[in-house]
Protein backbone atom coordinates (compact mmCIF):
# COMPACT_ATOMS: atom_id res chain seq x y z
CA MET A 1 0.02 0.35 -0.09
CA LYS A 2 0.84 4.05 -0.73
CA VAL A 3 1.67 5.69 2.65
CA THR A 4 2.36 9.29 1.69
CA ASN A 5 3.76 12.09 4.54
CA ASN A 6 1.56 14.67 5.36
CA SER A 7 3.55 16.05 8.02
CA LYS A 8 6.84 18.42 7.74
CA ALA A 9 8.91 16.44 9.80
CA LEU A 10 11.38 12.37 8.72
CA GLN A 11 8.54 9.90 10.08
CA GLY A 12 8.47 6.18 10.18
CA VAL A 13 6.29 3.34 9.98
CA ARG A 14 7.21 -0.55 10.69
CA SER A 15 7.03 -3.40 8.39
CA ASN A 16 7.79 -6.29 8.27
CA GLY A 17 10.06 -5.96 11.40
CA ARG A 18 11.88 -3.31 10.06
CA ALA A 19 11.07 0.99 9.88
CA VAL A 20 10.85 2.71 7.14
CA TYR A 21 11.18 6.68 6.29
CA ILE A 22 9.49 8.81 5.02
CA PRO A 23 10.29 12.48 3.68
CA PRO A 24 7.26 15.46 4.18
CA GLY A 25 5.33 15.30 1.70
CA GLU A 26 6.82 12.38 -0.57
CA THR A 27 4.70 8.89 -0.80
CA ARG A 28 6.71 5.47 -0.33
CA ASP A 29 5.75 1.95 -1.12
CA VAL A 30 5.18 0.16 2.27
CA HIS A 31 3.80 -3.39 3.33
CA LEU A 32 1.48 -2.61 6.82
CA GLU A 33 -1.22 -4.68 8.13
CA GLY A 34 -2.09 -5.85 11.99
CA VAL A 35 -0.50 -4.13 14.73
CA ASP A 36 1.94 -1.53 12.32
CA LEU A 37 -0.82 -0.56 9.96
CA GLU A 38 -3.00 0.27 12.94
CA LYS A 39 -0.19 1.95 14.35
CA VAL A 40 -0.36 4.31 11.01
CA LYS A 41 -4.04 4.71 11.48
CA ARG A 42 -3.46 5.66 14.59
CA LEU A 43 -1.22 9.03 12.74
CA ARG A 44 -3.32 12.13 10.77
CA PHE A 45 -0.90 12.89 9.23
CA LEU A 46 0.19 9.91 8.11
CA LYS A 47 -2.41 9.27 4.10
CA ILE A 48 -2.62 4.84 3.60
CA GLU A 49 -4.38 3.77 -0.48
CA GLY A 50 -4.63 0.57 -1.18
CA VAL A 51 -5.58 -0.62 1.79
CA SER A 52 -6.62 -4.75 1.17
CA LYS A 53 -9.67 -5.56 3.04
CA ALA A 54 -8.93 -8.26 5.11
CA ALA A 55 -5.54 -6.34 6.50
CA SER A 56 -8.16 -3.89 7.52
CA ASN A 57 -10.07 -6.13 9.19
CA GLN A 58 -7.38 -7.68 10.89
CA ASP A 59 -7.47 -6.76 14.71
CA GLY A 60 -10.46 -4.37 17.05
CA ASP A 61 -12.97 -4.48 14.34
CA GLY A 62 -15.67 -6.93 16.03
CA PRO A 63 -15.36 -10.56 15.80
CA LYS A 64 -14.71 -12.84 13.45
CA THR A 65 -16.32 -15.91 11.63
CA ALA A 66 -14.86 -19.36 10.19
CA LEU A 67 -14.95 -17.69 7.00
CA GLU A 68 -13.89 -14.93 7.29
CA VAL A 69 -10.67 -16.11 9.00
CA LEU A 70 -10.34 -18.18 5.79
CA GLU A 71 -10.59 -15.62 3.11
CA MET A 72 -7.40 -14.52 5.48
CA ALA A 73 -5.16 -17.65 4.66
CA LYS A 74 -5.98 -16.81 0.93
CA ASP A 75 -4.79 -13.13 0.81
CA GLN A 76 -1.01 -13.17 0.40
CA SER A 77 -0.85 -10.04 2.61
CA VAL A 78 -2.10 -11.51 5.83
CA GLN A 79 1.14 -12.78 7.61
CA PHE A 80 0.87 -16.18 9.08
CA MET A 81 1.00 -15.17 12.32
CA SER A 82 -1.77 -12.69 11.85
CA PHE A 83 -4.51 -15.76 10.35
CA LYS A 84 -3.25 -17.85 13.30
CA SER A 85 -4.38 -15.47 15.86
CA ALA A 86 -8.76 -14.58 14.50
CA ALA A 87 -8.04 -18.11 13.69
CA LYS A 88 -7.14 -18.87 17.57
CA LYS A 89 -9.86 -16.77 18.77
CA LEU A 90 -11.88 -18.76 16.74
CA LEU A 91 -9.96 -22.00 17.94
CA GLY A 92 -9.11 -21.64 21.28
CA GLU A 93 -6.45 -23.12 22.50
CA LYS A 94 -6.80 -26.95 20.91
CA THR A 95 -5.52 -24.14 17.75
CA PRO A 96 -2.84 -26.43 15.30
CA SER A 97 0.39 -25.12 14.82
CA THR A 98 0.30 -25.02 10.41
CA LYS A 99 -1.92 -23.36 8.08
CA ASP A 100 -3.02 -26.89 6.48
CA GLU A 101 -4.39 -28.00 9.81
CA ILE A 102 -5.43 -25.11 11.24
CA VAL A 103 -8.03 -24.63 7.66
CA ALA A 104 -9.38 -27.70 8.01
CA ALA A 105 -10.59 -26.92 11.96
CA LEU A 106 -12.17 -23.65 10.38
CA GLU A 107 -13.59 -25.68 7.13
CA GLU A 108 -15.07 -28.03 9.49
CA LEU A 109 -16.31 -25.07 11.80
CA ALA A 110 -18.18 -23.32 9.18
CA THR A 111 -19.97 -26.65 8.20
CA GLN A 112 -21.74 -26.96 12.11
CA PRO A 113 -25.14 -25.68 11.89
């Protein structure tokens, strides 16, 4: 996604565990999701464009259904740990450790009456 710095000072954002600095008035392509995305959203002087639906709903927008979490598994911009965290909220302590096993458990949960 694109992040534009509308402040008069150099701004840094976290992306994939490293800092990305954006000079005043410039735009950078930055990969943001989860906590990093939520932090950037709080800064009014940073304009964000191109947020995927799954990335924008990863944290705090209410509980997810099994189908929504399964969509996260298909979205290439969603990191595994974000997907696993969302799945754990539905599956609890019995959440499997691999992506394939989590997907199978979510599919089973989604098909239960």
